[in-house]
Amino acid sequence: MNDPRDRVDIDGIPDPSDGSRENRGGDGTDESRRFIMIWFRCCHAYGRLTRNRAGTHYDGRCPRCASPVSVRIGRGGTDRRMFEAR
């Protein structure tokens, strides 16, 4: 059984147990939650790029210096989920 005393809330991380639309990633489908992981060499940090609404790119920023990164989604795609940004 889950004990509510064991729960820790962290700012910026949604609570999936509350069932809100915002925390399910938009419309709650897997499509709306797609992301890729990026190693940002500029600041030696990991981050996520989320898929844009049009489904043409993954967009995001370095979590430390806020440098923008955009990755085009090509035909056929790839099975890789981890990439590196220079």
C-alpha atoms as a PDB file:
ATOM      1  CA  MET A   1       0.000   0.000   0.000  1.00  0.00           C
ATOM      2  CA  ASN A   2       1.136   3.527  -0.748  1.00  0.00           C
ATOM      3  CA  ASP A   3       1.580   5.639   2.333  1.00  0.00           C
ATOM      4  CA  PRO A   4       0.868   9.355   1.645  1.00  0.00           C
ATOM      5  CA  ARG A   5       3.607  10.242   4.142  1.00  0.00           C
ATOM      6  CA  ASP A   6       6.148   8.773   1.689  1.00  0.00           C
ATOM      7  CA  ARG A   7       5.187  11.278  -0.997  1.00  0.00           C
ATOM      8  CA  VAL A   8       7.577  14.058  -2.019  1.00  0.00           C
ATOM      9  CA  ASP A   9       6.410  16.919  -4.246  1.00  0.00           C
ATOM     10  CA  ILE A  10       9.059  18.465  -6.491  1.00  0.00           C
ATOM     11  CA  ASP A  11       8.368  21.801  -8.201  1.00  0.00           C
ATOM     12  CA  GLY A  12       8.060  21.439 -11.979  1.00  0.00           C
ATOM     13  CA  ILE A  13       7.352  17.703 -11.942  1.00  0.00           C
ATOM     14  CA  PRO A  14       3.662  16.916 -12.472  1.00  0.00           C
ATOM     15  CA  ASP A  15       1.813  14.466 -10.242  1.00  0.00           C
ATOM     16  CA  PRO A  16       0.424  11.704 -12.497  1.00  0.00           C
ATOM     17  CA  SER A  17      -1.871  10.427  -9.762  1.00  0.00           C
ATOM     18  CA  ASP A  18      -4.099  13.510  -9.728  1.00  0.00           C
ATOM     19  CA  GLY A  19      -5.527  12.676 -13.179  1.00  0.00           C
ATOM     20  CA  SER A  20      -5.469  16.244 -14.440  1.00  0.00           C
ATOM     21  CA  ARG A  21      -5.330  16.883 -18.162  1.00  0.00           C
ATOM     22  CA  GLU A  22      -2.186  18.992 -17.793  1.00  0.00           C
ATOM     23  CA  ASN A  23      -0.277  16.178 -16.109  1.00  0.00           C
ATOM     24  CA  ARG A  24      -1.186  13.621 -18.759  1.00  0.00           C
ATOM     25  CA  GLY A  25       0.581  15.633 -21.455  1.00  0.00           C
ATOM     26  CA  GLY A  26      -2.128  17.549 -23.288  1.00  0.00           C
ATOM     27  CA  ASP A  27      -4.817  15.201 -24.489  1.00  0.00           C
ATOM     28  CA  GLY A  28      -3.483  12.225 -22.519  1.00  0.00           C
ATOM     29  CA  THR A  29      -2.335  10.214 -25.543  1.00  0.00           C
ATOM     30  CA  ASP A  30       1.114   8.713 -26.001  1.00  0.00           C
ATOM     31  CA  GLU A  31       1.542  10.972 -29.052  1.00  0.00           C
ATOM     32  CA  SER A  32       1.447  14.096 -26.896  1.00  0.00           C
ATOM     33  CA  ARG A  33       4.186  12.826 -24.539  1.00  0.00           C
ATOM     34  CA  ARG A  34       6.823  11.891 -27.083  1.00  0.00           C
ATOM     35  CA  PHE A  35      10.309  13.145 -26.360  1.00  0.00           C
ATOM     36  CA  ILE A  36      13.968  12.450 -26.979  1.00  0.00           C
ATOM     37  CA  MET A  37      16.813  12.719 -24.486  1.00  0.00           C
ATOM     38  CA  ILE A  38      19.689  15.061 -25.253  1.00  0.00           C
ATOM     39  CA  TRP A  39      23.151  15.333 -23.728  1.00  0.00           C
ATOM     40  CA  PHE A  40      23.979  19.050 -23.858  1.00  0.00           C
ATOM     41  CA  ARG A  41      27.743  19.243 -24.212  1.00  0.00           C
ATOM     42  CA  CYS A  42      27.674  23.008 -23.600  1.00  0.00           C
ATOM     43  CA  CYS A  43      26.793  22.518 -19.913  1.00  0.00           C
ATOM     44  CA  HIS A  44      27.334  18.785 -19.381  1.00  0.00           C
ATOM     45  CA  ALA A  45      23.653  18.185 -18.638  1.00  0.00           C
ATOM     46  CA  TYR A  46      20.853  15.919 -19.818  1.00  0.00           C
ATOM     47  CA  GLY A  47      17.525  17.290 -20.996  1.00  0.00           C
ATOM     48  CA  ARG A  48      14.423  16.423 -22.994  1.00  0.00           C
ATOM     49  CA  LEU A  49      13.207  17.734 -26.296  1.00  0.00           C
ATOM     50  CA  THR A  50       9.463  17.411 -26.761  1.00  0.00           C
ATOM     51  CA  ARG A  51       7.655  16.955 -30.043  1.00  0.00           C
ATOM     52  CA  ASN A  52       6.054  20.112 -31.432  1.00  0.00           C
ATOM     53  CA  ARG A  53       2.320  20.260 -32.160  1.00  0.00           C
ATOM     54  CA  ALA A  54       2.847  19.882 -35.909  1.00  0.00           C
ATOM     55  CA  GLY A  55       4.924  16.727 -35.353  1.00  0.00           C
ATOM     56  CA  THR A  56       7.771  18.054 -37.508  1.00  0.00           C
ATOM     57  CA  HIS A  57      10.471  18.692 -34.874  1.00  0.00           C
ATOM     58  CA  TYR A  58      11.559  17.992 -31.326  1.00  0.00           C
ATOM     59  CA  ASP A  59      12.211  21.343 -29.619  1.00  0.00           C
ATOM     60  CA  GLY A  60      13.731  22.323 -26.302  1.00  0.00           C
ATOM     61  CA  ARG A  61      16.459  24.194 -24.461  1.00  0.00           C
ATOM     62  CA  CYS A  62      19.522  23.349 -22.420  1.00  0.00           C
ATOM     63  CA  PRO A  63      18.377  23.112 -18.802  1.00  0.00           C
ATOM     64  CA  ARG A  64      21.316  25.238 -17.623  1.00  0.00           C
ATOM     65  CA  CYS A  65      22.127  27.897 -20.242  1.00  0.00           C
ATOM     66  CA  ALA A  66      18.798  27.809 -22.165  1.00  0.00           C
ATOM     67  CA  SER A  67      20.450  27.378 -25.576  1.00  0.00           C
ATOM     68  CA  PRO A  68      17.681  26.391 -28.017  1.00  0.00           C
ATOM     69  CA  VAL A  69      17.800  23.062 -29.869  1.00  0.00           C
ATOM     70  CA  SER A  70      15.487  21.828 -32.601  1.00  0.00           C
ATOM     71  CA  VAL A  71      15.705  18.372 -34.193  1.00  0.00           C
ATOM     72  CA  ARG A  72      13.846  17.668 -37.426  1.00  0.00           C
ATOM     73  CA  ILE A  73      11.820  14.465 -37.614  1.00  0.00           C
ATOM     74  CA  GLY A  74      12.823  12.684 -40.813  1.00  0.00           C
ATOM     75  CA  ARG A  75      11.168  10.012 -42.927  1.00  0.00           C
ATOM     76  CA  GLY A  76      11.452   6.550 -41.468  1.00  0.00           C
ATOM     77  CA  GLY A  77      12.643   7.935 -38.130  1.00  0.00           C
ATOM     78  CA  THR A  78      15.018   6.147 -35.807  1.00  0.00           C
ATOM     79  CA  ASP A  79      14.770   3.849 -32.807  1.00  0.00           C
ATOM     80  CA  ARG A  80      17.363   5.916 -30.921  1.00  0.00           C
ATOM     81  CA  ARG A  81      16.036   7.874 -27.949  1.00  0.00           C
ATOM     82  CA  MET A  82      19.320   9.498 -26.853  1.00  0.00           C
ATOM     83  CA  PHE A  83      21.240  12.157 -28.797  1.00  0.00           C
ATOM     84  CA  GLU A  84      23.998  14.716 -28.233  1.00  0.00           C
ATOM     85  CA  ALA A  85      23.863  18.482 -28.842  1.00  0.00           C
ATOM     86  CA  ARG A  86      27.072  20.427 -29.352  1.00  0.00           C
END
